[in-house]
Amino acid sequence: MLNKLLDTFETEHKYAPLTLDHLLDFYQKKYIQGKIDIRRYYEIYQCLHQQGAVSSHEYQYS
């Protein structure tokens, strides 16, 4: 699954994501824009989160 996610990102941006966090943010944006459904987003989130990705929306500032 990760290879397909990377391919999609690279096709749209013409470069590789700098981090898995960057890749997750890309797919969150696609979900917010209505380009992927909640089930697909959840699968992507779980896959990337298991690999160590953290959404920019998850950071807590102290």
PDB file of N, CA and C in Angstrom:
ATOM      1  N   MET A   1       0.829  -1.194   0.000  1.00  0.00           N
ATOM      2  CA  MET A   1       0.000   0.000   0.000  1.00  0.00           C
ATOM      3  C   MET A   1       0.873   1.259   0.000  1.00  0.00           C
ATOM      4  N   LEU A   2       1.951   1.236   0.751  1.00  0.00           N
ATOM      5  CA  LEU A   2       2.811   2.412   0.863  1.00  0.00           C
ATOM      6  C   LEU A   2       3.397   2.827  -0.488  1.00  0.00           C
ATOM      7  N   ASN A   3       3.766   1.857  -1.303  1.00  0.00           N
ATOM      8  CA  ASN A   3       4.312   2.185  -2.631  1.00  0.00           C
ATOM      9  C   ASN A   3       3.302   2.923  -3.489  1.00  0.00           C
ATOM     10  N   LYS A   4       2.049   2.478  -3.438  1.00  0.00           N
ATOM     11  CA  LYS A   4       1.009   3.139  -4.231  1.00  0.00           C
ATOM     12  C   LYS A   4       0.774   4.569  -3.734  1.00  0.00           C
ATOM     13  N   LEU A   5       0.794   4.753  -2.406  1.00  0.00           N
ATOM     14  CA  LEU A   5       0.624   6.092  -1.845  1.00  0.00           C
ATOM     15  C   LEU A   5       1.752   7.016  -2.304  1.00  0.00           C
ATOM     16  N   LEU A   6       2.969   6.497  -2.254  1.00  0.00           N
ATOM     17  CA  LEU A   6       4.127   7.280  -2.700  1.00  0.00           C
ATOM     18  C   LEU A   6       4.036   7.620  -4.180  1.00  0.00           C
ATOM     19  N   ASP A   7       3.635   6.649  -4.991  1.00  0.00           N
ATOM     20  CA  ASP A   7       3.490   6.889  -6.435  1.00  0.00           C
ATOM     21  C   ASP A   7       2.485   7.999  -6.720  1.00  0.00           C
ATOM     22  N   THR A   8       1.352   7.963  -6.022  1.00  0.00           N
ATOM     23  CA  THR A   8       0.325   8.986  -6.229  1.00  0.00           C
ATOM     24  C   THR A   8       0.860  10.362  -5.848  1.00  0.00           C
ATOM     25  N   PHE A   9       1.524  10.439  -4.714  1.00  0.00           N
ATOM     26  CA  PHE A   9       2.101  11.709  -4.277  1.00  0.00           C
ATOM     27  C   PHE A   9       3.091  12.232  -5.312  1.00  0.00           C
ATOM     28  N   GLU A  10       4.017  11.357  -5.728  1.00  0.00           N
ATOM     29  CA  GLU A  10       5.061  11.764  -6.674  1.00  0.00           C
ATOM     30  C   GLU A  10       4.492  12.162  -8.029  1.00  0.00           C
ATOM     31  N   THR A  11       3.441  11.499  -8.455  1.00  0.00           N
ATOM     32  CA  THR A  11       2.806  11.842  -9.726  1.00  0.00           C
ATOM     33  C   THR A  11       2.225  13.258  -9.670  1.00  0.00           C
ATOM     34  N   GLU A  12       1.583  13.583  -8.566  1.00  0.00           N
ATOM     35  CA  GLU A  12       0.968  14.904  -8.445  1.00  0.00           C
ATOM     36  C   GLU A  12       1.977  16.019  -8.181  1.00  0.00           C
ATOM     37  N   HIS A  13       3.014  15.729  -7.409  1.00  0.00           N
ATOM     38  CA  HIS A  13       3.944  16.781  -6.993  1.00  0.00           C
ATOM     39  C   HIS A  13       5.245  16.826  -7.789  1.00  0.00           C
ATOM     40  N   LYS A  14       5.550  15.764  -8.493  1.00  0.00           N
ATOM     41  CA  LYS A  14       6.804  15.668  -9.270  1.00  0.00           C
ATOM     42  C   LYS A  14       8.047  15.597  -8.374  1.00  0.00           C
ATOM     43  N   TYR A  15       7.858  15.213  -7.127  1.00  0.00           N
ATOM     44  CA  TYR A  15       8.970  14.965  -6.200  1.00  0.00           C
ATOM     45  C   TYR A  15       8.470  14.030  -5.098  1.00  0.00           C
ATOM     46  N   ALA A  16       9.386  13.412  -4.399  1.00  0.00           N
ATOM     47  CA  ALA A  16       9.032  12.494  -3.320  1.00  0.00           C
ATOM     48  C   ALA A  16       8.717  13.287  -2.050  1.00  0.00           C
ATOM     49  N   PRO A  17       7.835  12.762  -1.208  1.00  0.00           N
ATOM     50  CA  PRO A  17       7.570  13.447   0.053  1.00  0.00           C
ATOM     51  C   PRO A  17       8.829  13.437   0.920  1.00  0.00           C
ATOM     52  N   LEU A  18       9.023  14.487   1.674  1.00  0.00           N
ATOM     53  CA  LEU A  18      10.210  14.595   2.518  1.00  0.00           C
ATOM     54  C   LEU A  18      10.143  13.639   3.707  1.00  0.00           C
ATOM     55  N   THR A  19       8.933  13.419   4.221  1.00  0.00           N
ATOM     56  CA  THR A  19       8.738  12.529   5.363  1.00  0.00           C
ATOM     57  C   THR A  19       7.399  11.812   5.219  1.00  0.00           C
ATOM     58  N   LEU A  20       7.194  10.807   6.052  1.00  0.00           N
ATOM     59  CA  LEU A  20       5.885  10.154   6.084  1.00  0.00           C
ATOM     60  C   LEU A  20       4.822  11.118   6.594  1.00  0.00           C
ATOM     61  N   ASP A  21       5.215  12.036   7.463  1.00  0.00           N
ATOM     62  CA  ASP A  21       4.273  13.048   7.954  1.00  0.00           C
ATOM     63  C   ASP A  21       3.744  13.893   6.788  1.00  0.00           C
ATOM     64  N   HIS A  22       4.637  14.239   5.879  1.00  0.00           N
ATOM     65  CA  HIS A  22       4.273  15.028   4.693  1.00  0.00           C
ATOM     66  C   HIS A  22       3.273  14.242   3.837  1.00  0.00           C
ATOM     67  N   LEU A  23       3.521  12.947   3.701  1.00  0.00           N
ATOM     68  CA  LEU A  23       2.630  12.083   2.929  1.00  0.00           C
ATOM     69  C   LEU A  23       1.252  12.003   3.587  1.00  0.00           C
ATOM     70  N   LEU A  24       1.225  11.867   4.902  1.00  0.00           N
ATOM     71  CA  LEU A  24      -0.050  11.827   5.624  1.00  0.00           C
ATOM     72  C   LEU A  24      -0.809  13.131   5.458  1.00  0.00           C
ATOM     73  N   ASP A  25      -0.128  14.251   5.569  1.00  0.00           N
ATOM     74  CA  ASP A  25      -0.789  15.546   5.384  1.00  0.00           C
ATOM     75  C   ASP A  25      -1.380  15.680   3.986  1.00  0.00           C
ATOM     76  N   PHE A  26      -0.684  15.154   2.994  1.00  0.00           N
ATOM     77  CA  PHE A  26      -1.174  15.162   1.614  1.00  0.00           C
ATOM     78  C   PHE A  26      -2.513  14.425   1.509  1.00  0.00           C
ATOM     79  N   TYR A  27      -2.591  13.257   2.133  1.00  0.00           N
ATOM     80  CA  TYR A  27      -3.826  12.482   2.060  1.00  0.00           C
ATOM     81  C   TYR A  27      -4.921  13.067   2.936  1.00  0.00           C
ATOM     82  N   GLN A  28      -4.562  13.727   4.021  1.00  0.00           N
ATOM     83  CA  GLN A  28      -5.576  14.424   4.816  1.00  0.00           C
ATOM     84  C   GLN A  28      -6.209  15.534   3.983  1.00  0.00           C
ATOM     85  N   LYS A  29      -5.381  16.231   3.239  1.00  0.00           N
ATOM     86  CA  LYS A  29      -5.899  17.294   2.373  1.00  0.00           C
ATOM     87  C   LYS A  29      -6.846  16.712   1.330  1.00  0.00           C
ATOM     88  N   LYS A  30      -6.489  15.564   0.743  1.00  0.00           N
ATOM     89  CA  LYS A  30      -7.360  14.919  -0.243  1.00  0.00           C
ATOM     90  C   LYS A  30      -8.706  14.543   0.378  1.00  0.00           C
ATOM     91  N   TYR A  31      -8.676  14.057   1.622  1.00  0.00           N
ATOM     92  CA  TYR A  31      -9.909  13.706   2.314  1.00  0.00           C
ATOM     93  C   TYR A  31     -10.768  14.949   2.547  1.00  0.00           C
ATOM     94  N   ILE A  32     -10.163  16.014   3.039  1.00  0.00           N
ATOM     95  CA  ILE A  32     -10.888  17.254   3.302  1.00  0.00           C
ATOM     96  C   ILE A  32     -11.502  17.809   2.023  1.00  0.00           C
ATOM     97  N   GLN A  33     -10.797  17.663   0.904  1.00  0.00           N
ATOM     98  CA  GLN A  33     -11.297  18.143  -0.387  1.00  0.00           C
ATOM     99  C   GLN A  33     -12.362  17.221  -0.976  1.00  0.00           C
ATOM    100  N   GLY A  34     -12.633  16.091  -0.323  1.00  0.00           N
ATOM    101  CA  GLY A  34     -13.648  15.155  -0.810  1.00  0.00           C
ATOM    102  C   GLY A  34     -13.151  14.255  -1.930  1.00  0.00           C
ATOM    103  N   LYS A  35     -11.830  14.147  -2.100  1.00  0.00           N
ATOM    104  CA  LYS A  35     -11.281  13.329  -3.185  1.00  0.00           C
ATOM    105  C   LYS A  35     -11.099  11.869  -2.797  1.00  0.00           C
ATOM    106  N   ILE A  36     -11.114  11.575  -1.500  1.00  0.00           N
ATOM    107  CA  ILE A  36     -11.120  10.187  -1.040  1.00  0.00           C
ATOM    108  C   ILE A  36     -12.154  10.061   0.070  1.00  0.00           C
ATOM    109  N   ASP A  37     -12.749   8.885   0.185  1.00  0.00           N
ATOM    110  CA  ASP A  37     -13.783   8.702   1.197  1.00  0.00           C
ATOM    111  C   ASP A  37     -13.170   8.344   2.549  1.00  0.00           C
ATOM    112  N   ILE A  38     -14.018   8.330   3.568  1.00  0.00           N
ATOM    113  CA  ILE A  38     -13.561   8.122   4.935  1.00  0.00           C
ATOM    114  C   ILE A  38     -12.914   6.751   5.115  1.00  0.00           C
ATOM    115  N   ARG A  39     -13.434   5.726   4.467  1.00  0.00           N
ATOM    116  CA  ARG A  39     -12.834   4.384   4.598  1.00  0.00           C
ATOM    117  C   ARG A  39     -11.427   4.356   4.045  1.00  0.00           C
ATOM    118  N   ARG A  40     -11.245   4.940   2.884  1.00  0.00           N
ATOM    119  CA  ARG A  40      -9.919   4.971   2.260  1.00  0.00           C
ATOM    120  C   ARG A  40      -8.966   5.819   3.105  1.00  0.00           C
ATOM    121  N   TYR A  41      -9.450   6.947   3.585  1.00  0.00           N
ATOM    122  CA  TYR A  41      -8.617   7.793   4.427  1.00  0.00           C
ATOM    123  C   TYR A  41      -8.189   7.044   5.684  1.00  0.00           C
ATOM    124  N   TYR A  42      -9.098   6.326   6.308  1.00  0.00           N
ATOM    125  CA  TYR A  42      -8.779   5.576   7.520  1.00  0.00           C
ATOM    126  C   TYR A  42      -7.708   4.517   7.234  1.00  0.00           C
ATOM    127  N   GLU A  43      -7.821   3.821   6.115  1.00  0.00           N
ATOM    128  CA  GLU A  43      -6.806   2.822   5.731  1.00  0.00           C
ATOM    129  C   GLU A  43      -5.437   3.489   5.566  1.00  0.00           C
ATOM    130  N   ILE A  44      -5.424   4.621   4.877  1.00  0.00           N
ATOM    131  CA  ILE A  44      -4.176   5.345   4.656  1.00  0.00           C
ATOM    132  C   ILE A  44      -3.605   5.828   5.981  1.00  0.00           C
ATOM    133  N   TYR A  45      -4.465   6.403   6.807  1.00  0.00           N
ATOM    134  CA  TYR A  45      -4.022   6.901   8.107  1.00  0.00           C
ATOM    135  C   TYR A  45      -3.406   5.774   8.934  1.00  0.00           C
ATOM    136  N   GLN A  46      -4.095   4.643   9.016  1.00  0.00           N
ATOM    137  CA  GLN A  46      -3.595   3.509   9.800  1.00  0.00           C
ATOM    138  C   GLN A  46      -2.244   3.031   9.267  1.00  0.00           C
ATOM    139  N   CYS A  47      -2.127   2.887   7.971  1.00  0.00           N
ATOM    140  CA  CYS A  47      -0.880   2.419   7.358  1.00  0.00           C
ATOM    141  C   CYS A  47       0.274   3.360   7.684  1.00  0.00           C
ATOM    142  N   LEU A  48       0.067   4.642   7.477  1.00  0.00           N
ATOM    143  CA  LEU A  48       1.134   5.612   7.703  1.00  0.00           C
ATOM    144  C   LEU A  48       1.430   5.792   9.195  1.00  0.00           C
ATOM    145  N   HIS A  49       0.394   5.764  10.007  1.00  0.00           N
ATOM    146  CA  HIS A  49       0.579   5.909  11.453  1.00  0.00           C
ATOM    147  C   HIS A  49       1.387   4.728  12.012  1.00  0.00           C
ATOM    148  N   GLN A  50       1.133   3.531  11.514  1.00  0.00           N
ATOM    149  CA  GLN A  50       1.897   2.351  11.936  1.00  0.00           C
ATOM    150  C   GLN A  50       3.367   2.470  11.549  1.00  0.00           C
ATOM    151  N   GLN A  51       3.642   3.225  10.500  1.00  0.00           N
ATOM    152  CA  GLN A  51       5.016   3.431  10.050  1.00  0.00           C
ATOM    153  C   GLN A  51       5.688   4.588  10.792  1.00  0.00           C
ATOM    154  N   GLY A  52       4.934   5.261  11.660  1.00  0.00           N
ATOM    155  CA  GLY A  52       5.503   6.339  12.457  1.00  0.00           C
ATOM    156  C   GLY A  52       5.082   7.741  12.064  1.00  0.00           C
ATOM    157  N   ALA A  53       4.222   7.868  11.071  1.00  0.00           N
ATOM    158  CA  ALA A  53       3.776   9.201  10.640  1.00  0.00           C
ATOM    159  C   ALA A  53       2.895   9.843  11.705  1.00  0.00           C
ATOM    160  N   VAL A  54       3.053  11.154  11.836  1.00  0.00           N
ATOM    161  CA  VAL A  54       2.236  11.934  12.758  1.00  0.00           C
ATOM    162  C   VAL A  54       1.654  13.097  11.974  1.00  0.00           C
ATOM    163  N   SER A  55       0.355  13.268  12.075  1.00  0.00           N
ATOM    164  CA  SER A  55      -0.316  14.356  11.384  1.00  0.00           C
ATOM    165  C   SER A  55       0.067  15.683  11.996  1.00  0.00           C
ATOM    166  N   SER A  56       0.156  16.704  11.180  1.00  0.00           N
ATOM    167  CA  SER A  56       0.433  18.041  11.707  1.00  0.00           C
ATOM    168  C   SER A  56      -0.707  18.502  12.609  1.00  0.00           C
ATOM    169  N   HIS A  57      -1.863  17.871  12.498  1.00  0.00           N
ATOM    170  CA  HIS A  57      -3.013  18.200  13.337  1.00  0.00           C
ATOM    171  C   HIS A  57      -2.931  17.525  14.701  1.00  0.00           C
ATOM    172  N   GLU A  58      -1.998  16.603  14.879  1.00  0.00           N
ATOM    173  CA  GLU A  58      -1.863  15.890  16.138  1.00  0.00           C
ATOM    174  C   GLU A  58      -0.873  16.534  17.089  1.00  0.00           C
ATOM    175  N   TYR A  59      -0.073  17.446  16.608  1.00  0.00           N
ATOM    176  CA  TYR A  59       0.932  18.067  17.469  1.00  0.00           C
ATOM    177  C   TYR A  59       0.267  18.900  18.552  1.00  0.00           C
ATOM    178  N   GLN A  60       0.814  18.796  19.729  1.00  0.00           N
ATOM    179  CA  GLN A  60       0.331  19.614  20.839  1.00  0.00           C
ATOM    180  C   GLN A  60       1.437  20.596  21.198  1.00  0.00           C
ATOM    181  N   TYR A  61       1.067  21.839  21.271  1.00  0.00           N
ATOM    182  CA  TYR A  61       2.037  22.879  21.591  1.00  0.00           C
ATOM    183  C   TYR A  61       1.906  23.224  23.071  1.00  0.00           C
ATOM    184  N   SER A  62       3.005  23.237  23.739  1.00  0.00           N
ATOM    185  CA  SER A  62       2.992  23.569  25.174  1.00  0.00           C
ATOM    186  C   SER A  62       3.571  24.941  25.407  1.00  0.00           C
TER     187      SER A  62
END
